[in-house]
Amino acid sequence: MFVKITNAGGYQYVRLVENYRENGKVKQRVLFNFGRLDILKDDPAFKNIVKKLSDIVAETTTENAKAVTIESEEDISDAVVKNWGYIVYRKLWQELEIDKFLKGKAAKERKIKFDVDKVSFLMTIQRLIEPMSKLRTYHQRSKYFGFEEDIDLNQLYRCLDFLDSVKEDLETYLYQRNKDLFKMVVDVVFYDVTTIYFESCRADELKNFGFSKDNKVNEVQVVLGLLVDKEGRPIGYELFPGNTIDSKTMVKILRKLKEKFSIDKIIIVADKGLNSRINLKMIKEAGYDYIVASRLKNASKEILDEVFNEEGYKRLDGKRCLNAEEIYGDEFKYKVLERTNIVKDEEGKEFKIEENLIITYSSKRAKKDKEDRERLVRKAKELLENKGSITALEKKGARKYLKKKSKSEEYVLDEEAIKRDEKFDGYYAIQTSKKDMDVEEVLGAYHDLWKIEQSFRVMKSCLEVRPIYHFTESRIKGHFVICFLAFLLQRTLEYILRRKGKGISSERIMEAIYSMNFFEIEIKGKKYLIKQKIEGEAGDILNVMKIKGPKNFMTYEEGLEFIGISK
């Protein structure tokens, strides 16, 4: 038995061939068509599969096994690749009892006549492993072993409507399951907002034009507010019309935390985009505390005098913050100012919040601030050389370093603005209502805000939440439920691996699961499965999840039994 390369139709094809004797003459017959050489040569599993096929044919012609006599090329089909690695996510799905929840909700809907659990899971794993549209998901469903039949395209779209209808209950259910299953303690919550755009310029009540964090000025968008815990796992989310400003999202999020999740005591960590006096007042009235970035350049003269006064600053204790130099640079100092933040409501009634303002200086931040400013100054000079590109839009980016000459329409470089910003290089401020919290704990909590920024990056890149092609509100919202479920499974898997000392990134997890495949072949009408070799991190994931991999060679029925799907 050997591999033979033949030419046909302008391509080279790889075939598994064996010699046999007939009427005293040596002849050849094709046992297996691998496909085109130009595609196969980059496949690391190709060489292994040749050897496995040789062993399989030998095994199936022994006296102790059912003989499979291959008489001609037509007796054996081309190989089809089927992914089985998704069972890692399926195990989490079942441990979180998402299947139980969905089936229970669907049982109460008379119009639901399809398996919402299976359809929802298909869309979720597609979002995890290889994000694509629902139409392509339907056409590509057969690449997941066990999903070849019993699903039609309309079921995917109807399932989105169903998921939208159960979203609120599902969130509450999953929050409780996470608490029970992983002993999740929610004492710090990170909250941030991003925008998700559509391939459309048609606005409605949900999709609308607004400030895009993706710089998509010609597409409508929605605003997504996301809550994650200190391990980076999502707790819940809300969608807002595309023209909603960040600070206006807080009311609904606080109501979710209080009413849906019944959280009484919590610290909300957020960036300065959510720092408004009204928001801070609402957080305190809800019984919570906050740690938020403060707009230092907008501070009062009294505060700024303290910022630039060297007296009162303390150095960070390196023994208590072992990675301080990595985070802050070789110089870091801070100063704490106690103050009363006075907020007035719509009726003019004052609300007092006692808080600490923590002013910090970092050499690492100073270097970054300088580099950012110099980049904008260079851009401002380029704008001056091309005056047609200078607009009357709000001063931001490089525009903030340009000004008009007095009594003239001509723009010049604003040297005063440049010098004013230079004074703030390295300085940053954080305000917190948690006055009894250690300063370094406050700084650590705020530093961990990167977890939600990373969450948005994962959702936008790995899971490809954007762009969105749905147009009805219900299906848009159903699409976000799928993304939320995918993100929850991904973050939960990362958390489990991390606890076992296996820090594997989102991208590498997806690659590992994508590599867990069967080669499905058909010999004389009977289907067989050949396992692609499991290597590296794929094996680590299976070990941590306590999943025993499949046998090297199985019948189709054995494969269904392996993944837990009945025939």
Protein backbone atom coordinates (compact mmCIF):
# COMPACT_ATOMS: atom_id res chain seq x y z
CA MET A 1 0.00 0.00 0.00
CA PHE A 2 1.40 3.40 -0.96
CA VAL A 3 0.51 7.01 -1.77
CA LYS A 4 0.33 7.88 -5.45
CA ILE A 5 0.05 11.30 -7.06
CA THR A 6 -1.89 11.50 -10.33
CA ASN A 7 -2.66 14.36 -12.71
CA ALA A 8 -6.20 15.28 -13.70
CA GLY A 9 -7.87 18.47 -14.86
CA GLY A 10 -4.77 20.58 -14.34
CA TYR A 11 -4.34 19.52 -10.69
CA GLN A 12 -2.40 16.83 -8.87
CA TYR A 13 -4.46 14.45 -6.74
CA VAL A 14 -3.28 12.27 -3.87
CA ARG A 15 -4.60 8.71 -3.65
CA LEU A 16 -3.93 5.73 -1.44
CA VAL A 17 -3.15 2.79 -3.72
CA GLU A 18 -2.39 -0.87 -3.19
CA ASN A 19 -0.99 -3.56 -5.45
CA TYR A 20 -2.88 -6.80 -5.94
CA ARG A 21 -2.40 -9.85 -8.12
CA GLU A 22 -4.98 -10.96 -10.68
CA ASN A 23 -4.46 -13.82 -13.10
CA GLY A 24 -0.80 -13.81 -12.26
CA LYS A 25 -0.39 -10.07 -13.03
CA VAL A 26 0.29 -7.24 -10.55
CA LYS A 27 -2.31 -4.47 -10.76
CA GLN A 28 -3.16 -1.36 -8.75
CA ARG A 29 -6.40 -0.18 -7.21
CA VAL A 30 -7.28 3.07 -5.47
CA LEU A 31 -8.35 2.61 -1.88
CA PHE A 32 -8.80 6.25 -0.91
CA ASN A 33 -9.06 9.63 -2.64
CA PHE A 34 -7.49 12.29 -0.40
CA GLY A 35 -8.05 15.22 -2.76
CA ARG A 36 -5.88 17.90 -4.32
CA LEU A 37 -2.20 17.98 -3.41
CA ASP A 38 -2.01 21.80 -3.31
CA ILE A 39 -4.59 21.80 -0.51
CA LEU A 40 -3.30 18.77 1.38
CA LYS A 41 0.40 19.59 1.48
CA ASP A 42 -0.07 22.22 4.21
CA ASP A 43 -2.21 19.90 6.37
CA PRO A 44 -0.10 18.61 9.32
CA ALA A 45 -2.47 15.64 9.75
CA PHE A 46 -2.00 14.35 6.22
CA LYS A 47 0.99 12.08 6.83
CA ASN A 48 -0.61 10.62 9.95
CA ILE A 49 -3.84 9.82 8.14
CA VAL A 50 -2.02 7.80 5.47
CA LYS A 51 -0.56 5.51 8.09
CA LYS A 52 -3.87 5.22 9.93
CA LEU A 53 -5.68 4.20 6.75
CA SER A 54 -3.13 1.51 6.14
CA ASP A 55 -3.73 0.12 9.64
CA ILE A 56 -7.51 0.36 9.25
CA VAL A 57 -7.66 -1.66 6.06
CA ALA A 58 -5.41 -4.25 7.67
CA GLU A 59 -7.62 -4.41 10.79
CA THR A 60 -10.85 -4.76 8.85
CA THR A 61 -9.61 -7.78 6.89
CA THR A 62 -8.52 -9.94 9.85
CA GLU A 63 -10.32 -13.11 10.79
CA ASN A 64 -11.50 -11.59 14.09
CA ALA A 65 -13.20 -8.61 12.46
CA LYS A 66 -15.90 -8.19 9.88
CA ALA A 67 -14.12 -8.27 6.56
CA VAL A 68 -14.36 -5.24 4.33
CA THR A 69 -13.21 -6.17 0.85
CA ILE A 70 -12.33 -3.16 -1.28
CA GLU A 71 -12.65 -4.24 -4.87
CA SER A 72 -12.60 -0.94 -6.75
CA GLU A 73 -12.11 2.81 -6.41
CA GLU A 74 -15.87 3.30 -6.19
CA ASP A 75 -16.05 1.22 -2.99
CA ILE A 76 -14.49 4.00 -0.89
CA SER A 77 -15.52 7.65 -0.71
CA ASP A 78 -13.53 10.85 -0.43
CA ALA A 79 -12.79 11.91 3.15
CA VAL A 80 -15.01 14.55 4.78
CA VAL A 81 -13.69 16.52 7.79
CA LYS A 82 -16.08 16.67 10.77
CA ASN A 83 -15.38 18.58 13.95
CA TRP A 84 -15.98 16.84 17.27
CA GLY A 85 -14.04 19.28 19.49
CA TYR A 86 -17.21 21.26 20.14
CA ILE A 87 -18.12 18.68 22.80
CA VAL A 88 -15.85 20.67 25.16
CA TYR A 89 -18.35 23.53 24.95
CA ARG A 90 -21.25 21.08 25.04
CA LYS A 91 -20.06 19.78 28.40
CA LEU A 92 -20.03 23.33 29.80
CA TRP A 93 -23.42 23.99 28.20
CA GLN A 94 -24.85 20.99 30.03
CA GLU A 95 -23.09 21.75 33.33
CA LEU A 96 -24.64 25.22 33.23
CA GLU A 97 -27.92 23.43 32.38
CA ILE A 98 -28.60 25.74 29.46
CA ASP A 99 -30.15 22.79 27.61
CA LYS A 100 -32.52 22.18 30.51
CA PHE A 101 -33.55 25.85 30.64
CA LEU A 102 -34.19 26.15 26.89
CA LYS A 103 -36.16 22.92 26.66
CA GLY A 104 -38.25 23.95 29.64
CA LYS A 105 -39.09 27.32 28.11
CA ALA A 106 -39.79 25.82 24.68
CA ALA A 107 -42.18 23.27 26.18
CA LYS A 108 -44.45 26.15 27.18
CA GLU A 109 -44.53 27.51 23.62
CA ARG A 110 -47.04 25.65 21.45
CA LYS A 111 -45.60 27.09 18.26
CA ILE A 112 -42.12 25.72 18.94
CA LYS A 113 -41.90 22.37 17.17
CA PHE A 114 -38.12 22.09 16.78
CA ASP A 115 -35.22 21.38 19.13
CA VAL A 116 -34.33 24.89 20.37
CA ASP A 117 -31.49 23.48 22.44
CA LYS A 118 -29.76 21.89 19.44
CA VAL A 119 -30.34 24.89 17.17
CA SER A 120 -29.19 27.39 19.81
CA PHE A 121 -26.09 25.34 20.52
CA LEU A 122 -25.26 25.06 16.80
CA MET A 123 -25.36 28.85 16.41
CA THR A 124 -23.32 29.27 19.60
CA ILE A 125 -20.49 26.91 18.63
CA GLN A 126 -20.39 28.40 15.15
CA ARG A 127 -19.93 31.81 16.77
CA LEU A 128 -17.13 30.33 18.92
CA ILE A 129 -15.24 28.25 16.39
CA GLU A 130 -15.70 30.09 13.09
CA PRO A 131 -18.07 33.09 13.22
CA MET A 132 -20.28 33.51 10.17
CA SER A 133 -23.81 34.50 9.19
CA LYS A 134 -26.82 32.39 10.10
CA LEU A 135 -27.29 31.45 6.45
CA ARG A 136 -23.72 30.18 6.19
CA THR A 137 -24.08 28.50 9.59
CA TYR A 138 -26.99 26.53 8.17
CA HIS A 139 -25.06 25.52 5.05
CA GLN A 140 -21.96 24.64 7.09
CA ARG A 141 -23.78 22.71 9.84
CA SER A 142 -22.66 19.32 8.51
CA LYS A 143 -19.05 20.09 9.39
CA TYR A 144 -20.00 19.47 13.02
CA PHE A 145 -20.37 15.74 13.56
CA GLY A 146 -23.94 14.93 14.52
CA PHE A 147 -25.50 18.10 13.06
CA GLU A 148 -25.93 16.83 9.52
CA GLU A 149 -29.71 16.52 9.61
CA ASP A 150 -32.87 17.59 11.45
CA ILE A 151 -32.22 21.36 11.21
CA ASP A 152 -33.55 23.73 8.58
CA LEU A 153 -32.72 27.38 7.95
CA ASN A 154 -36.03 28.77 9.18
CA GLN A 155 -35.42 27.15 12.56
CA LEU A 156 -32.28 29.27 13.04
CA TYR A 157 -34.19 32.50 12.47
CA ARG A 158 -37.17 31.43 14.59
CA CYS A 159 -34.76 30.42 17.34
CA LEU A 160 -33.40 34.00 17.46
CA ASP A 161 -36.95 35.26 18.13
CA PHE A 162 -37.32 32.66 20.87
CA LEU A 163 -34.01 33.58 22.51
CA ASP A 164 -34.98 37.25 22.54
CA SER A 165 -38.20 36.35 24.37
CA VAL A 166 -36.34 34.44 27.14
CA LYS A 167 -33.25 36.67 27.41
CA GLU A 168 -34.06 38.24 30.79
CA ASP A 169 -34.95 34.93 32.46
CA LEU A 170 -31.90 33.25 30.90
CA GLU A 171 -29.55 35.89 32.32
CA THR A 172 -30.93 35.48 35.83
CA TYR A 173 -30.81 31.69 35.52
CA LEU A 174 -27.17 31.67 34.36
CA TYR A 175 -26.11 34.10 37.06
CA GLN A 176 -27.49 31.76 39.71
CA ARG A 177 -26.01 28.66 38.02
CA ASN A 178 -22.56 30.30 37.96
CA LYS A 179 -22.85 31.10 41.66
CA ASP A 180 -23.83 27.52 42.48
CA LEU A 181 -21.43 25.76 40.10
CA PHE A 182 -18.28 27.83 40.53
CA LYS A 183 -18.95 29.42 43.93
CA MET A 184 -18.85 32.79 42.17
CA VAL A 185 -18.53 35.69 44.60
CA VAL A 186 -19.69 39.00 43.15
CA ASP A 187 -18.25 41.85 45.20
CA VAL A 188 -16.63 43.83 42.40
CA VAL A 189 -18.31 44.39 39.02
CA PHE A 190 -16.68 45.96 36.00
CA TYR A 191 -18.92 47.90 33.64
CA ASP A 192 -18.23 49.52 30.31
CA VAL A 193 -19.95 50.45 27.09
CA THR A 194 -19.13 49.91 23.43
CA THR A 195 -20.85 50.27 20.07
CA ILE A 196 -21.71 47.54 17.57
CA TYR A 197 -22.38 48.56 13.98
CA PHE A 198 -24.62 47.16 11.24
CA GLU A 199 -24.16 46.80 7.49
CA SER A 200 -26.98 49.27 7.07
CA CYS A 201 -27.71 52.99 7.06
CA ARG A 202 -31.40 52.62 7.90
CA ALA A 203 -32.21 53.86 11.41
CA ASP A 204 -35.06 52.80 13.69
CA GLU A 205 -35.80 52.79 17.44
CA LEU A 206 -32.88 50.47 18.24
CA LYS A 207 -30.46 50.97 15.35
CA ASN A 208 -29.39 54.57 15.12
CA PHE A 209 -26.50 56.84 14.26
CA GLY A 210 -24.27 57.93 17.11
CA PHE A 211 -20.66 58.24 18.20
CA SER A 212 -19.02 55.03 16.96
CA LYS A 213 -16.14 53.52 18.92
CA ASP A 214 -15.29 51.64 15.68
CA ASN A 215 -15.08 54.86 13.63
CA LYS A 216 -18.00 53.72 11.46
CA VAL A 217 -19.63 57.05 10.68
CA ASN A 218 -21.93 55.86 7.89
CA GLU A 219 -23.50 52.82 9.58
CA VAL A 220 -26.21 52.63 12.20
CA GLN A 221 -25.31 51.01 15.50
CA VAL A 222 -26.48 49.83 18.89
CA VAL A 223 -24.82 50.57 22.22
CA LEU A 224 -23.85 47.56 24.33
CA GLY A 225 -23.38 47.85 28.09
CA LEU A 226 -21.58 44.83 29.55
CA LEU A 227 -21.08 43.68 33.14
CA VAL A 228 -18.26 41.27 34.00
CA ASP A 229 -17.00 39.87 37.29
CA LYS A 230 -13.42 40.08 38.56
CA GLU A 231 -12.56 36.84 36.73
CA GLY A 232 -13.63 38.36 33.40
CA ARG A 233 -16.84 36.30 33.13
CA PRO A 234 -19.93 38.09 31.83
CA ILE A 235 -22.75 38.68 34.32
CA GLY A 236 -25.23 40.44 32.08
CA TYR A 237 -25.64 43.01 29.35
CA GLU A 238 -28.07 45.58 27.99
CA LEU A 239 -28.68 46.99 24.54
CA PHE A 240 -29.43 50.66 24.02
CA PRO A 241 -30.33 52.74 20.95
CA GLY A 242 -27.29 53.68 18.91
CA ASN A 243 -27.44 57.36 19.86
CA THR A 244 -27.33 56.72 23.64
CA ILE A 245 -24.35 58.32 25.38
CA ASP A 246 -22.36 56.14 27.78
CA SER A 247 -23.40 57.94 30.96
CA LYS A 248 -27.12 57.44 30.20
CA THR A 249 -26.85 53.63 30.38
CA MET A 250 -26.27 53.44 34.13
CA VAL A 251 -29.93 53.55 35.27
CA LYS A 252 -30.88 50.29 33.55
CA ILE A 253 -27.69 48.53 34.65
CA LEU A 254 -28.23 49.45 38.30
CA ARG A 255 -31.79 48.20 38.10
CA LYS A 256 -30.53 44.91 36.67
CA LEU A 257 -28.01 44.45 39.48
CA LYS A 258 -30.54 45.30 42.18
CA GLU A 259 -33.75 43.71 40.95
CA LYS A 260 -32.65 40.80 38.74
CA PHE A 261 -29.53 39.61 40.50
CA SER A 262 -30.48 40.74 44.01
CA ILE A 263 -26.98 42.03 44.73
CA ASP A 264 -27.01 44.21 47.85
CA LYS A 265 -23.37 45.20 48.27
CA ILE A 266 -21.01 45.72 45.38
CA ILE A 267 -18.28 48.01 44.04
CA ILE A 268 -18.80 49.17 40.45
CA VAL A 269 -15.58 49.85 38.55
CA ALA A 270 -15.89 51.99 35.43
CA ASP A 271 -13.96 54.32 33.15
CA LYS A 272 -14.38 58.09 33.03
CA GLY A 273 -16.97 57.88 30.23
CA LEU A 274 -19.45 56.73 32.90
CA ASN A 275 -18.33 59.25 35.50
CA SER A 276 -21.07 61.80 35.93
CA ARG A 277 -22.35 63.20 39.19
CA ILE A 278 -25.83 61.86 38.50
CA ASN A 279 -24.46 58.35 37.90
CA LEU A 280 -22.43 58.44 41.12
CA LYS A 281 -25.51 59.59 43.00
CA MET A 282 -27.57 56.71 41.56
CA ILE A 283 -24.86 54.20 42.48
CA LYS A 284 -24.82 55.38 46.09
CA GLU A 285 -28.62 55.52 46.33
CA ALA A 286 -28.70 51.90 45.16
CA GLY A 287 -26.51 51.01 48.14
CA TYR A 288 -23.37 50.38 46.10
CA ASP A 289 -19.89 51.90 45.96
CA TYR A 290 -17.82 52.96 42.98
CA ILE A 291 -14.27 53.20 41.69
CA VAL A 292 -14.15 55.41 38.59
CA ALA A 293 -11.59 57.37 36.63
CA SER A 294 -11.73 61.11 37.19
CA ARG A 295 -11.30 63.86 34.59
CA LEU A 296 -8.23 65.45 36.09
CA LYS A 297 -7.87 68.19 33.47
CA ASN A 298 -11.36 69.43 34.36
CA ALA A 299 -10.60 69.57 38.09
CA SER A 300 -10.79 72.75 40.17
CA LYS A 301 -7.77 74.98 40.78
CA GLU A 302 -7.66 73.72 44.36
CA ILE A 303 -7.33 70.12 43.20
CA LEU A 304 -4.76 70.96 40.53
CA ASP A 305 -2.64 72.79 43.07
CA GLU A 306 -2.51 69.55 45.06
CA VAL A 307 -1.72 67.53 41.94
CA PHE A 308 1.42 69.52 41.17
CA ASN A 309 2.48 69.97 44.81
CA GLU A 310 5.16 67.39 45.58
CA GLU A 311 4.30 67.35 49.28
CA GLY A 312 2.06 64.52 50.47
CA TYR A 313 2.90 61.97 47.78
CA LYS A 314 3.72 58.41 48.85
CA ARG A 315 5.64 55.71 47.04
CA LEU A 316 3.97 52.44 46.20
CA ASP A 317 5.02 49.57 48.46
CA GLY A 318 6.65 47.10 46.07
CA LYS A 319 6.28 44.30 48.60
CA ARG A 320 2.50 44.59 48.47
CA CYS A 321 2.33 45.07 44.70
CA LEU A 322 4.87 42.67 43.22
CA ASN A 323 4.28 43.68 39.62
CA ALA A 324 4.17 47.42 40.33
CA GLU A 325 7.10 48.25 38.04
CA GLU A 326 5.56 46.29 35.18
CA ILE A 327 2.25 48.15 35.60
CA TYR A 328 3.41 51.65 36.53
CA GLY A 329 7.06 51.92 35.50
CA ASP A 330 10.14 52.56 37.63
CA GLU A 331 8.53 55.51 39.41
CA PHE A 332 5.08 55.56 40.94
CA LYS A 333 3.60 57.79 43.63
CA TYR A 334 0.15 58.65 44.89
CA LYS A 335 -1.68 61.12 47.07
CA VAL A 336 -5.13 60.76 48.66
CA LEU A 337 -7.48 63.72 49.01
CA GLU A 338 -10.62 63.43 51.07
CA ARG A 339 -13.50 65.46 49.74
CA THR A 340 -17.27 65.86 49.62
CA ASN A 341 -18.81 65.51 46.21
CA ILE A 342 -22.06 67.52 46.09
CA VAL A 343 -24.68 66.52 43.52
CA LYS A 344 -27.90 68.38 42.81
CA ASP A 345 -30.96 66.58 41.51
CA GLU A 346 -33.48 68.00 39.03
CA GLU A 347 -35.28 69.83 41.84
CA GLY A 348 -32.06 71.41 43.07
CA LYS A 349 -31.83 69.23 46.17
CA GLU A 350 -28.25 68.53 47.25
CA PHE A 351 -26.89 65.02 47.69
CA LYS A 352 -23.51 64.67 49.43
CA ILE A 353 -21.07 61.85 48.72
CA GLU A 354 -17.99 61.44 50.88
CA GLU A 355 -15.20 60.10 48.71
CA ASN A 356 -11.46 59.77 48.24
CA LEU A 357 -9.71 61.24 45.23
CA ILE A 358 -6.54 59.25 44.56
CA ILE A 359 -4.04 61.22 42.47
CA THR A 360 -1.31 59.10 40.91
CA TYR A 361 1.87 59.67 38.93
CA SER A 362 3.46 56.92 36.85
CA SER A 363 6.65 57.15 34.78
CA LYS A 364 5.24 54.57 32.40
CA ARG A 365 2.10 56.65 31.88
CA ALA A 366 4.22 59.80 31.47
CA LYS A 367 6.11 58.19 28.61
CA LYS A 368 2.88 57.09 26.93
CA ASP A 369 1.22 60.50 27.39
CA LYS A 370 4.21 62.21 25.82
CA GLU A 371 4.24 59.84 22.84
CA ASP A 372 0.49 60.26 22.31
CA ARG A 373 0.72 64.05 22.47
CA GLU A 374 3.67 64.22 20.08
CA ARG A 375 1.79 62.02 17.62
CA LEU A 376 -1.20 64.38 17.73
CA VAL A 377 1.05 67.43 17.33
CA ARG A 378 2.56 65.86 14.19
CA LYS A 379 -0.95 65.20 12.90
CA ALA A 380 -1.96 68.81 13.68
CA LYS A 381 0.99 70.09 11.65
CA GLU A 382 -0.07 67.87 8.75
CA LEU A 383 -3.55 69.38 8.95
CA LEU A 384 -2.05 72.87 8.73
CA GLU A 385 -0.24 71.85 5.55
CA ASN A 386 -3.55 70.63 4.11
CA LYS A 387 -5.98 73.25 5.32
CA GLY A 388 -8.86 71.72 3.39
CA SER A 389 -8.94 68.85 5.88
CA ILE A 390 -9.53 71.12 8.88
CA THR A 391 -13.20 71.13 9.81
CA ALA A 392 -15.28 72.98 12.35
CA LEU A 393 -16.10 69.78 14.20
CA GLU A 394 -15.71 69.45 17.96
CA LYS A 395 -12.07 69.84 18.96
CA LYS A 396 -10.71 66.37 19.50
CA GLY A 397 -7.71 64.38 18.39
CA ALA A 398 -5.19 66.53 16.55
CA ARG A 399 -7.79 69.33 16.18
CA LYS A 400 -7.43 70.23 19.84
CA TYR A 401 -3.93 71.56 19.14
CA LEU A 402 -5.15 74.00 16.49
CA LYS A 403 -6.68 77.43 16.97
CA LYS A 404 -7.68 80.36 14.81
CA LYS A 405 -5.64 83.55 14.79
CA SER A 406 -7.39 86.43 16.45
CA LYS A 407 -9.68 88.22 14.00
CA SER A 408 -8.76 85.69 11.34
CA GLU A 409 -10.06 82.44 9.85
CA GLU A 410 -6.55 81.07 9.56
CA TYR A 411 -5.54 78.16 11.80
CA VAL A 412 -2.26 77.99 13.70
CA LEU A 413 -0.67 75.58 16.16
CA ASP A 414 -1.96 76.13 19.71
CA GLU A 415 1.32 76.17 21.64
CA GLU A 416 -0.44 77.04 24.91
CA ALA A 417 -2.66 73.97 24.70
CA ILE A 418 0.37 71.77 24.04
CA LYS A 419 2.23 73.15 27.09
CA ARG A 420 -0.90 72.84 29.25
CA ASP A 421 -1.31 69.16 28.39
CA GLU A 422 2.40 68.51 28.87
CA LYS A 423 2.04 69.39 32.56
CA PHE A 424 -0.31 66.40 33.04
CA ASP A 425 2.06 63.77 31.59
CA GLY A 426 2.00 60.77 33.93
CA TYR A 427 -0.77 62.05 36.21
CA TYR A 428 -4.07 60.25 36.64
CA ALA A 429 -6.90 60.37 39.17
CA ILE A 430 -9.37 57.81 40.49
CA GLN A 431 -12.27 58.61 42.76
CA THR A 432 -13.96 56.12 45.05
CA SER A 433 -16.76 56.15 47.58
CA LYS A 434 -15.22 53.11 49.30
CA LYS A 435 -13.21 55.19 51.77
CA ASP A 436 -12.23 52.27 54.01
CA MET A 437 -10.66 50.39 51.11
CA ASP A 438 -6.87 50.23 50.98
CA VAL A 439 -5.41 52.50 48.29
CA GLU A 440 -3.51 49.70 46.61
CA GLU A 441 -6.67 47.59 46.52
CA VAL A 442 -8.45 50.48 44.81
CA LEU A 443 -5.64 50.83 42.29
CA GLY A 444 -5.62 47.07 41.72
CA ALA A 445 -9.38 47.01 41.13
CA TYR A 446 -9.17 49.87 38.66
CA HIS A 447 -6.19 48.30 36.91
CA ASP A 448 -8.32 45.17 36.42
CA LEU A 449 -10.67 47.22 34.27
CA TRP A 450 -8.62 45.90 31.35
CA LYS A 451 -10.63 42.68 31.74
CA ILE A 452 -13.73 44.30 30.32
CA GLU A 453 -11.74 46.05 27.61
CA GLN A 454 -10.34 42.65 26.70
CA SER A 455 -13.88 41.26 26.81
CA PHE A 456 -14.96 43.74 24.16
CA ARG A 457 -11.93 42.86 22.05
CA VAL A 458 -12.75 39.14 22.28
CA MET A 459 -16.39 39.77 21.40
CA LYS A 460 -15.55 42.02 18.47
CA SER A 461 -12.64 40.03 17.05
CA CYS A 462 -12.76 36.36 18.05
CA LEU A 463 -16.55 36.06 18.26
CA GLU A 464 -17.11 38.67 15.54
CA VAL A 465 -20.27 40.16 17.03
CA ARG A 466 -19.96 42.86 14.37
CA PRO A 467 -21.06 43.58 11.73
CA ILE A 468 -24.67 42.47 12.13
CA TYR A 469 -26.83 41.55 9.14
CA HIS A 470 -30.18 41.11 10.91
CA PHE A 471 -32.68 43.92 10.64
CA THR A 472 -35.72 43.06 12.79
CA GLU A 473 -35.33 44.10 16.43
CA SER A 474 -36.19 40.66 17.78
CA ARG A 475 -33.56 38.90 15.68
CA ILE A 476 -30.93 41.51 16.44
CA LYS A 477 -31.55 40.92 20.13
CA GLY A 478 -31.56 37.15 19.61
CA HIS A 479 -28.18 37.44 17.88
CA PHE A 480 -26.79 39.15 20.98
CA VAL A 481 -28.12 36.34 23.17
CA ILE A 482 -26.12 33.89 21.04
CA CYS A 483 -23.02 36.10 21.38
CA PHE A 484 -23.56 36.32 25.15
CA LEU A 485 -23.84 32.52 25.44
CA ALA A 486 -20.71 32.05 23.31
CA PHE A 487 -18.81 34.59 25.37
CA LEU A 488 -19.96 32.98 28.63
CA LEU A 489 -18.78 29.52 27.49
CA GLN A 490 -15.45 30.92 26.30
CA ARG A 491 -14.73 32.88 29.48
CA THR A 492 -15.87 29.98 31.68
CA LEU A 493 -13.55 27.59 29.86
CA GLU A 494 -10.64 30.05 30.23
CA TYR A 495 -11.42 30.34 33.95
CA ILE A 496 -11.45 26.55 34.44
CA LEU A 497 -8.17 26.15 32.53
CA ARG A 498 -6.57 28.99 34.49
CA ARG A 499 -7.50 27.36 37.80
CA LYS A 500 -5.66 24.24 36.63
CA GLY A 501 -2.55 26.18 35.68
CA LYS A 502 -3.29 26.19 31.94
CA GLY A 503 -3.40 29.82 30.82
CA ILE A 504 -4.57 29.54 27.22
CA SER A 505 -5.80 32.56 25.27
CA SER A 506 -9.18 32.76 23.55
CA GLU A 507 -7.57 32.51 20.13
CA ARG A 508 -5.53 29.42 21.00
CA ILE A 509 -8.52 27.70 22.62
CA MET A 510 -10.51 28.19 19.43
CA GLU A 511 -7.64 26.89 17.32
CA ALA A 512 -7.28 23.82 19.55
CA ILE A 513 -10.99 22.97 19.41
CA TYR A 514 -11.06 23.62 15.67
CA SER A 515 -8.29 21.02 15.29
CA MET A 516 -10.25 18.19 16.94
CA ASN A 517 -11.65 16.47 13.85
CA PHE A 518 -12.79 13.18 12.39
CA PHE A 519 -12.07 12.15 8.82
CA GLU A 520 -15.32 10.55 7.76
CA ILE A 521 -15.14 7.98 4.96
CA GLU A 522 -17.62 5.54 3.50
CA ILE A 523 -16.56 2.03 2.51
CA LYS A 524 -19.16 0.01 0.61
CA GLY A 525 -22.00 2.11 2.03
CA LYS A 526 -20.83 1.99 5.64
CA LYS A 527 -19.44 5.13 7.34
CA TYR A 528 -16.23 5.09 9.37
CA LEU A 529 -14.47 7.79 11.40
CA ILE A 530 -10.73 8.32 11.66
CA LYS A 531 -9.54 10.61 14.45
CA GLN A 532 -7.13 13.37 13.56
CA LYS A 533 -4.13 13.38 15.89
CA ILE A 534 -4.66 15.34 19.11
CA GLU A 535 -1.70 17.57 19.88
CA GLY A 536 -0.54 20.23 22.35
CA GLU A 537 -3.19 22.42 23.89
CA ALA A 538 -6.05 20.35 22.51
CA GLY A 539 -4.91 17.53 24.78
CA ASP A 540 -4.55 19.90 27.73
CA ILE A 541 -8.13 21.14 27.26
CA LEU A 542 -9.51 17.59 27.11
CA ASN A 543 -7.55 16.57 30.22
CA VAL A 544 -8.71 19.56 32.28
CA MET A 545 -12.33 19.07 31.16
CA LYS A 546 -12.03 15.34 31.97
CA ILE A 547 -13.08 14.33 28.46
CA LYS A 548 -11.64 11.11 27.10
CA GLY A 549 -10.84 11.47 23.42
CA PRO A 550 -12.39 9.18 20.80
CA LYS A 551 -10.79 5.99 19.48
CA ASN A 552 -8.54 6.27 16.46
CA PHE A 553 -11.06 4.41 14.31
CA MET A 554 -14.80 4.07 14.88
CA THR A 555 -17.98 3.31 13.06
CA TYR A 556 -20.38 6.21 12.51
CA GLU A 557 -22.70 4.81 15.19
CA GLU A 558 -19.85 4.64 17.70
CA GLY A 559 -19.09 8.25 16.91
CA LEU A 560 -22.66 9.31 17.71
CA GLU A 561 -22.43 7.45 20.99
CA PHE A 562 -19.14 9.20 21.76
CA ILE A 563 -20.58 12.69 21.37
CA GLY A 564 -23.76 11.75 23.22
CA ILE A 565 -26.17 11.97 20.31
CA SER A 566 -28.49 9.03 19.77
CA LYS A 567 -28.91 7.69 16.26
